[in-house]
Amino acid sequence: MNITSFAQRVFLSLCLFSAPTVWANQPAIPSAPQLAAKSYVLLDAASGKVLVENNGDQRLPPASLTKLMTAYIATLEIRKGKIGQQDMVPVSEHAWRTGGAASGGSTMFLPLNSQASVDDLLHGVIIQSGNDASIALAEYIAGSEDAFADMMNEAAARLGMSNSHFMNATGLPNPEHYSSAHDMAILARAIINEDQEHYAIYAQKEFLWNNIKQGNRNLLLWRDKTVDGLKTGHTDEAGYCLVASAVRDGARMITSVFGTVSESARAAETQKLLTYGFRFFETRSFYKKGQELAQAQVWKGASRQVKAGLANDLTLTLPKGQLDKLQAGMVINPQLTAPIAQGDVIGTVQVKLGEELVHSADLIALEAVEEGSFFRRLWDSISLFFFGLFN
């Protein structure tokens, strides 16, 4: 096979692109807004790309944003079948005393030694920000709040939340309890992408339990019809915090804002980020994971070719007007030799904007290729010897 002509055919087969463009003539997008907050992040939900950040990885007290992780683990346990939504959960003295009205924090007003369903407690955590509901769920899932904190930290590590450490299920102050704006945006993306059914709870404006109605503290649910979540937080140490998400024209943005001065300020500052993101950026999914993009030549194999694709979706976020100007190509190892296991890296996909490399991803084998017969291996060994001499 002529390797050069094969590479050219692979390049032309990727239909992202138009003709090359001179990017020096492209207008720059306006600078991102400067927020009156300790730290903040704007993240595209589809690609996971951070579009704007200021002190995004700074470790700060997350206050009740912590309950995003509490709810995430609870819904994960529901999906695994470990707990049921209608399971009745006892309210311990620890949940009642630490998270009740007497503690001065947010509460669902659970009576001591009462019971509430997992579903009601989940609503109490997400909408009412109940500390008592959070502790009751934590104890039901893990046996104790300390054990639940271990589960929270394991989940944070799995999600790549490298600047987070949890000591409790509520976000009540603790010097070893911290997170970051970036980490909370990562968590919000997982909540949205992994479980749309339970994510719908975050859009609810109020919840009535035991004849007590409480409203969602996320003011943007009233001010912006495109906003459908997620969670507020506040302590004296943390300030006023908000993780929010909105969908416009099929695109979803996630914001994470830490340390504003008031409830109205956290909503206003968050709105600035959302407006900027939707106005100046766009996202497109080009290829799905597992989609066949090419067939690569295999030496010494039972098959002469192997299907090549991506391990993850190829989704990109760029300033508006640039997605249609991307160019992409594949570089495939010209000496792939059997055996090849499914998932083996056999090349790369490179996406460029002019001369700038904006994305690179591994090409993987979508199928296994076993070794060929003795004569196939012998013949290909001879062929590879001469191929090596002339290339």
Protein backbone atom coordinates (compact mmCIF):
# COMPACT_ATOMS: atom_id res chain seq x y z
CA MET A 1 0.00 0.00 0.00
CA ASN A 2 1.18 3.55 -0.70
CA ILE A 3 1.22 5.05 2.79
CA THR A 4 1.19 8.66 1.55
CA SER A 5 -1.88 8.21 -0.61
CA PHE A 6 -3.64 6.38 2.25
CA ALA A 7 -2.97 9.29 4.61
CA GLN A 8 -4.35 11.71 2.06
CA ARG A 9 -7.55 9.69 1.70
CA VAL A 10 -7.92 9.58 5.49
CA PHE A 11 -7.46 13.35 5.68
CA LEU A 12 -10.08 14.01 3.03
CA SER A 13 -12.53 11.57 4.62
CA LEU A 14 -12.92 13.75 7.69
CA CYS A 15 -15.67 16.13 6.68
CA LEU A 16 -15.22 18.79 9.36
CA PHE A 17 -13.48 21.21 7.18
CA SER A 18 -13.48 23.93 4.61
CA ALA A 19 -10.56 25.52 2.82
CA PRO A 20 -7.65 26.88 4.86
CA THR A 21 -8.18 30.35 6.28
CA VAL A 22 -5.81 33.12 7.33
CA TRP A 23 -6.67 33.59 11.03
CA ALA A 24 -4.83 36.86 11.47
CA ASN A 25 -7.80 38.60 9.86
CA GLN A 26 -10.34 37.08 12.23
CA PRO A 27 -11.80 39.53 14.77
CA ALA A 28 -10.96 38.70 18.37
CA ILE A 29 -13.85 38.10 20.73
CA PRO A 30 -14.33 40.62 23.55
CA SER A 31 -12.53 40.04 26.81
CA ALA A 32 -14.36 37.99 29.40
CA PRO A 33 -16.23 39.94 32.08
CA GLN A 34 -14.46 40.52 35.38
CA LEU A 35 -16.65 39.26 38.19
CA ALA A 36 -16.86 40.55 41.75
CA ALA A 37 -16.13 37.10 43.16
CA LYS A 38 -13.22 35.22 44.71
CA SER A 39 -13.14 32.63 41.93
CA TYR A 40 -15.24 31.54 38.98
CA VAL A 41 -15.37 29.25 35.97
CA LEU A 42 -17.43 29.10 32.79
CA LEU A 43 -17.48 25.61 31.28
CA ASP A 44 -19.12 24.14 28.19
CA ALA A 45 -21.14 21.10 29.23
CA ALA A 46 -20.73 19.11 26.02
CA SER A 47 -16.97 19.40 25.56
CA GLY A 48 -15.95 20.05 29.16
CA LYS A 49 -13.80 22.95 27.98
CA VAL A 50 -13.18 25.82 30.39
CA LEU A 51 -14.00 29.02 28.51
CA VAL A 52 -13.41 31.55 31.29
CA GLU A 53 -11.75 31.17 34.67
CA ASN A 54 -10.33 33.26 37.46
CA ASN A 55 -8.68 31.45 40.37
CA GLY A 56 -10.66 28.44 39.18
CA ASP A 57 -8.46 25.91 40.99
CA GLN A 58 -8.16 27.85 44.25
CA ARG A 59 -9.22 25.74 47.22
CA LEU A 60 -12.07 27.49 49.02
CA PRO A 61 -14.88 26.55 51.41
CA PRO A 62 -17.80 25.42 49.22
CA ALA A 63 -20.57 25.85 51.82
CA SER A 64 -23.78 24.14 50.64
CA LEU A 65 -22.37 23.53 47.16
CA THR A 66 -21.12 20.44 48.99
CA LYS A 67 -24.64 19.07 48.68
CA LEU A 68 -24.13 18.65 44.94
CA MET A 69 -21.82 15.77 45.85
CA THR A 70 -24.22 14.49 48.49
CA ALA A 71 -27.04 14.40 45.93
CA TYR A 72 -24.75 12.97 43.24
CA ILE A 73 -23.84 9.99 45.41
CA ALA A 74 -27.45 9.45 46.47
CA THR A 75 -28.70 9.33 42.88
CA LEU A 76 -25.79 7.07 41.93
CA GLU A 77 -26.78 4.65 44.70
CA ILE A 78 -30.38 4.74 43.44
CA ARG A 79 -29.29 3.91 39.89
CA LYS A 80 -27.13 1.06 41.19
CA GLY A 81 -30.11 -0.35 43.07
CA LYS A 82 -28.36 0.02 46.43
CA ILE A 83 -31.20 2.18 47.81
CA GLY A 84 -34.75 2.82 46.67
CA GLN A 85 -36.47 6.15 46.21
CA GLN A 86 -39.32 5.10 48.47
CA ASP A 87 -37.10 3.68 51.21
CA MET A 88 -37.97 5.25 54.56
CA VAL A 89 -34.97 6.84 56.25
CA PRO A 90 -34.81 7.38 60.03
CA VAL A 91 -33.80 10.81 61.32
CA SER A 92 -31.06 10.37 63.91
CA GLU A 93 -30.26 12.77 66.71
CA HIS A 94 -27.09 13.76 64.85
CA ALA A 95 -29.09 14.68 61.73
CA TRP A 96 -31.72 16.48 63.80
CA ARG A 97 -29.32 18.35 66.08
CA THR A 98 -26.58 19.22 63.55
CA GLY A 99 -28.87 19.98 60.65
CA GLY A 100 -32.02 21.17 62.35
CA ALA A 101 -33.42 24.64 62.88
CA ALA A 102 -31.54 25.04 66.18
CA SER A 103 -28.20 24.88 64.31
CA GLY A 104 -29.04 28.08 62.45
CA GLY A 105 -28.40 26.64 58.99
CA SER A 106 -30.65 25.54 56.16
CA THR A 107 -33.02 22.80 57.22
CA MET A 108 -35.84 20.61 55.99
CA PHE A 109 -37.32 20.69 59.53
CA LEU A 110 -37.15 16.93 60.02
CA PRO A 111 -38.48 15.95 63.47
CA LEU A 112 -36.26 13.87 65.73
CA ASN A 113 -36.83 10.09 65.36
CA SER A 114 -39.17 10.63 62.40
CA GLN A 115 -38.80 9.08 58.94
CA ALA A 116 -38.74 10.48 55.42
CA SER A 117 -38.42 8.80 52.05
CA VAL A 118 -35.19 8.90 50.07
CA ASP A 119 -37.04 10.81 47.35
CA ASP A 120 -38.29 13.46 49.79
CA LEU A 121 -34.85 13.80 51.35
CA LEU A 122 -33.27 14.20 47.92
CA HIS A 123 -35.68 17.05 47.17
CA GLY A 124 -34.92 18.48 50.60
CA VAL A 125 -31.19 18.46 49.87
CA ILE A 126 -31.40 19.94 46.36
CA ILE A 127 -34.26 22.46 46.69
CA GLN A 128 -34.35 23.32 50.38
CA SER A 129 -30.61 22.79 51.00
CA GLY A 130 -31.48 20.91 54.18
CA ASN A 131 -28.51 20.06 56.38
CA ASP A 132 -30.67 17.57 58.27
CA ALA A 133 -31.76 15.89 55.01
CA SER A 134 -28.13 15.67 53.88
CA ILE A 135 -26.97 13.98 57.09
CA ALA A 136 -29.96 11.61 57.15
CA LEU A 137 -29.19 10.49 53.58
CA ALA A 138 -25.49 10.16 54.34
CA GLU A 139 -26.13 7.96 57.38
CA TYR A 140 -28.61 5.81 55.48
CA ILE A 141 -26.22 5.25 52.56
CA ALA A 142 -22.94 4.76 54.45
CA GLY A 143 -23.85 4.14 58.08
CA SER A 144 -22.24 7.35 59.31
CA GLU A 145 -21.48 10.80 57.99
CA ASP A 146 -17.74 10.11 58.29
CA ALA A 147 -18.03 7.01 56.12
CA PHE A 148 -20.12 8.96 53.64
CA ALA A 149 -17.38 11.61 53.46
CA ASP A 150 -15.01 8.84 52.37
CA MET A 151 -17.44 8.00 49.56
CA MET A 152 -17.54 11.67 48.58
CA ASN A 153 -13.75 11.81 48.34
CA GLU A 154 -13.62 8.61 46.30
CA ALA A 155 -16.18 10.05 43.86
CA ALA A 156 -14.24 13.32 43.67
CA ALA A 157 -11.04 11.46 42.78
CA ARG A 158 -12.85 9.44 40.10
CA LEU A 159 -14.28 12.60 38.53
CA GLY A 160 -10.91 14.36 38.53
CA MET A 161 -11.82 16.90 41.21
CA SER A 162 -8.21 17.36 42.27
CA ASN A 163 -8.77 20.39 44.50
CA SER A 164 -11.59 19.01 46.64
CA HIS A 165 -11.70 17.29 50.00
CA PHE A 166 -14.91 16.61 51.90
CA MET A 167 -15.33 16.15 55.63
CA ASN A 168 -19.13 16.18 55.83
CA ALA A 169 -22.29 15.95 53.74
CA THR A 170 -23.48 19.51 54.37
CA GLY A 171 -20.68 21.97 53.78
CA LEU A 172 -20.70 23.18 57.38
CA PRO A 173 -17.31 24.83 58.09
CA ASN A 174 -14.29 22.59 58.60
CA PRO A 175 -10.68 23.60 57.84
CA GLU A 176 -10.12 20.36 55.92
CA HIS A 177 -13.31 20.71 53.87
CA TYR A 178 -12.71 22.54 50.60
CA SER A 179 -13.36 22.56 46.87
CA SER A 180 -12.81 24.86 43.88
CA ALA A 181 -14.92 26.57 41.24
CA HIS A 182 -13.46 24.28 38.57
CA ASP A 183 -14.12 21.12 40.57
CA MET A 184 -17.72 22.11 41.22
CA ALA A 185 -18.22 22.74 37.50
CA ILE A 186 -16.84 19.25 36.81
CA LEU A 187 -19.27 17.80 39.35
CA ALA A 188 -22.19 19.72 37.86
CA ARG A 189 -21.33 18.36 34.41
CA ALA A 190 -21.36 14.80 35.77
CA ILE A 191 -24.73 15.37 37.45
CA ILE A 192 -26.23 16.69 34.23
CA ASN A 193 -24.74 14.17 31.82
CA GLU A 194 -25.12 11.02 33.90
CA ASP A 195 -28.68 11.32 35.19
CA GLN A 196 -31.12 13.58 33.36
CA GLU A 197 -34.08 12.18 35.31
CA HIS A 198 -32.84 13.29 38.70
CA TYR A 199 -31.29 16.45 37.29
CA ALA A 200 -34.84 17.71 36.68
CA ILE A 201 -35.16 18.23 40.46
CA TYR A 202 -32.65 21.10 40.31
CA ALA A 203 -35.07 23.17 38.21
CA GLN A 204 -37.90 22.99 40.74
CA LYS A 205 -38.58 26.35 42.37
CA GLU A 206 -40.10 25.09 45.60
CA PHE A 207 -40.77 21.97 47.62
CA LEU A 208 -43.53 21.24 50.14
CA TRP A 209 -42.86 18.70 52.87
CA ASN A 210 -44.81 18.16 56.07
CA ASN A 211 -46.87 21.29 55.24
CA ILE A 212 -43.72 23.40 55.14
CA LYS A 213 -43.04 25.02 51.76
CA GLN A 214 -39.57 26.36 51.01
CA GLY A 215 -38.31 28.02 47.85
CA ASN A 216 -35.20 27.28 45.85
CA ARG A 217 -32.53 29.90 46.61
CA ASN A 218 -31.29 29.99 43.00
CA LEU A 219 -32.74 33.34 41.90
CA LEU A 220 -31.87 32.66 38.26
CA LEU A 221 -34.65 30.07 38.08
CA TRP A 222 -37.04 33.03 38.26
CA ARG A 223 -35.00 35.50 36.22
CA ASP A 224 -33.81 33.39 33.29
CA LYS A 225 -36.07 30.74 31.74
CA THR A 226 -33.06 28.99 30.19
CA VAL A 227 -31.54 28.22 33.63
CA ASP A 228 -32.45 24.77 34.99
CA GLY A 229 -30.11 24.32 37.98
CA LEU A 230 -28.06 23.77 40.08
CA LYS A 231 -27.24 24.85 43.67
CA THR A 232 -26.50 27.78 45.96
CA GLY A 233 -24.26 27.96 49.00
CA HIS A 234 -23.50 30.45 51.76
CA THR A 235 -21.52 30.71 54.96
CA ASP A 236 -19.74 33.71 56.45
CA GLU A 237 -16.42 32.17 55.47
CA ALA A 238 -17.40 31.13 51.92
CA GLY A 239 -19.53 34.12 50.98
CA TYR A 240 -22.38 33.64 48.54
CA CYS A 241 -21.74 30.90 45.97
CA LEU A 242 -23.70 29.54 43.01
CA VAL A 243 -23.25 26.73 40.51
CA ALA A 244 -25.69 27.20 37.64
CA SER A 245 -26.46 25.78 34.21
CA ALA A 246 -28.54 26.95 31.26
CA VAL A 247 -29.47 25.69 27.80
CA ARG A 248 -29.92 27.94 24.77
CA ASP A 249 -30.35 26.77 21.18
CA GLY A 250 -29.25 23.27 22.14
CA ALA A 251 -26.00 24.39 23.81
CA ARG A 252 -25.46 24.07 27.56
CA MET A 253 -23.17 26.20 29.70
CA ILE A 254 -22.16 25.62 33.33
CA THR A 255 -20.98 28.37 35.68
CA SER A 256 -19.38 28.10 39.10
CA VAL A 257 -19.01 31.26 41.17
CA PHE A 258 -17.45 31.39 44.65
CA GLY A 259 -17.34 34.23 47.16
CA THR A 260 -19.70 37.02 46.14
CA VAL A 261 -21.10 39.49 48.65
CA SER A 262 -24.84 38.79 48.53
CA GLU A 263 -27.59 36.55 47.22
CA SER A 264 -28.44 39.02 44.47
CA ALA A 265 -24.75 39.49 43.58
CA ARG A 266 -24.12 35.80 43.01
CA ALA A 267 -27.07 35.70 40.60
CA ALA A 268 -26.01 38.86 38.76
CA GLU A 269 -22.36 37.78 38.43
CA THR A 270 -23.40 34.33 37.22
CA GLN A 271 -25.68 35.90 34.62
CA LYS A 272 -22.70 37.82 33.21
CA LEU A 273 -20.82 34.57 32.59
CA LEU A 274 -23.80 32.85 30.97
CA THR A 275 -24.46 35.80 28.66
CA TYR A 276 -20.83 35.94 27.60
CA GLY A 277 -20.60 32.19 26.96
CA PHE A 278 -23.73 31.92 24.83
CA ARG A 279 -22.98 35.12 22.93
CA PHE A 280 -19.43 34.38 21.87
CA PHE A 281 -18.92 30.59 21.84
CA GLU A 282 -20.41 27.60 20.08
CA THR A 283 -19.99 23.85 20.45
CA ARG A 284 -20.31 21.03 17.97
CA SER A 285 -20.04 17.26 18.24
CA PHE A 286 -18.25 15.84 15.21
CA TYR A 287 -17.83 12.14 15.95
CA LYS A 288 -19.16 9.69 18.50
CA LYS A 289 -17.00 7.29 20.42
CA GLY A 290 -16.81 3.94 18.66
CA GLN A 291 -17.69 5.43 15.27
CA GLU A 292 -15.53 3.99 12.48
CA LEU A 293 -13.35 6.72 11.00
CA ALA A 294 -10.90 4.65 8.96
CA GLN A 295 -9.52 1.19 8.32
CA ALA A 296 -5.82 0.84 9.03
CA GLN A 297 -3.49 -1.67 7.44
CA VAL A 298 -2.35 -4.52 9.70
CA TRP A 299 0.78 -6.61 9.20
CA LYS A 300 1.08 -10.29 10.20
CA GLY A 301 -2.60 -10.47 11.09
CA ALA A 302 -5.47 -12.82 10.38
CA SER A 303 -7.10 -9.71 8.90
CA ARG A 304 -5.40 -7.19 6.64
CA GLN A 305 -7.21 -4.22 8.20
CA VAL A 306 -8.56 -2.99 11.50
CA LYS A 307 -11.36 -0.47 12.10
CA ALA A 308 -10.15 2.73 13.76
CA GLY A 309 -12.18 5.20 15.82
CA LEU A 310 -12.22 7.30 18.97
CA ALA A 311 -12.47 6.24 22.60
CA ASN A 312 -14.55 9.36 23.42
CA ASP A 313 -16.83 11.73 21.55
CA LEU A 314 -15.03 14.42 19.57
CA THR A 315 -16.75 17.61 20.72
CA LEU A 316 -15.15 21.03 20.39
CA THR A 317 -15.98 24.50 21.70
CA LEU A 318 -14.52 27.56 19.99
CA PRO A 319 -15.36 31.24 19.43
CA LYS A 320 -18.30 31.60 17.08
CA GLY A 321 -17.43 31.47 13.39
CA GLN A 322 -14.38 29.23 13.79
CA LEU A 323 -15.86 25.73 13.95
CA ASP A 324 -16.57 25.71 10.21
CA LYS A 325 -12.95 26.59 9.53
CA LEU A 326 -11.33 23.64 11.25
CA GLN A 327 -9.12 21.17 9.46
CA ALA A 328 -8.44 17.68 10.72
CA GLY A 329 -6.38 14.69 9.79
CA MET A 330 -5.34 11.31 11.07
CA VAL A 331 -1.87 9.98 11.64
CA ILE A 332 -1.93 6.18 11.74
CA ASN A 333 1.00 3.96 12.64
CA PRO A 334 2.11 2.54 9.25
CA GLN A 335 3.57 -0.60 10.84
CA LEU A 336 0.68 -1.96 12.90
CA THR A 337 1.52 -5.55 13.71
CA ALA A 338 -0.84 -8.24 14.99
CA PRO A 339 -1.91 -9.19 17.54
CA ILE A 340 -3.92 -6.01 18.19
CA ALA A 341 -6.34 -5.79 21.09
CA GLN A 342 -9.55 -3.83 20.98
CA GLY A 343 -8.81 -0.40 22.44
CA ASP A 344 -5.12 -0.34 21.51
CA VAL A 345 -3.88 3.09 20.44
CA ILE A 346 -2.99 2.95 16.76
CA GLY A 347 -2.73 6.63 15.83
CA THR A 348 -4.04 10.12 16.52
CA VAL A 349 -6.64 12.55 15.24
CA GLN A 350 -5.39 16.12 15.02
CA VAL A 351 -7.71 19.10 14.59
CA LYS A 352 -6.17 22.42 13.58
CA LEU A 353 -7.30 26.01 13.30
CA GLY A 354 -4.87 27.38 10.75
CA GLU A 355 -1.50 26.29 12.06
CA GLU A 356 -2.68 25.96 15.64
CA LEU A 357 -3.38 22.49 17.02
CA VAL A 358 -6.65 22.85 18.93
CA HIS A 359 -7.35 19.21 19.68
CA SER A 360 -5.59 15.86 19.60
CA ALA A 361 -7.13 12.51 20.45
CA ASP A 362 -5.99 8.90 20.33
CA LEU A 363 -7.23 6.70 17.52
CA ILE A 364 -7.96 3.25 18.87
CA ALA A 365 -8.63 -0.15 17.37
CA LEU A 366 -12.37 -0.80 17.46
CA GLU A 367 -11.83 -4.55 17.14
CA ALA A 368 -9.20 -7.16 17.89
CA VAL A 369 -6.97 -8.67 15.21
CA GLU A 370 -5.33 -12.02 15.93
CA GLU A 371 -2.03 -13.19 14.52
CA GLY A 372 -2.18 -14.59 10.99
CA SER A 373 -0.88 -17.91 9.72
CA PHE A 374 2.81 -18.80 9.68
CA PHE A 375 3.06 -18.00 5.98
CA ARG A 376 1.24 -14.65 6.44
CA ARG A 377 3.65 -13.66 9.20
CA LEU A 378 6.67 -14.80 7.16
CA TRP A 379 5.59 -12.93 4.03
CA ASP A 380 4.77 -9.74 5.98
CA SER A 381 8.12 -9.91 7.78
CA ILE A 382 9.85 -9.84 4.41
CA SER A 383 7.59 -7.04 3.20
CA LEU A 384 8.25 -4.97 6.34
CA PHE A 385 11.98 -5.42 5.90
CA PHE A 386 11.88 -3.83 2.45
CA PHE A 387 9.32 -1.27 3.59
CA GLY A 388 11.78 -0.19 6.28
CA LEU A 389 14.58 0.15 3.75
CA PHE A 390 12.67 2.54 1.52
CA ASN A 391 10.71 4.54 4.11
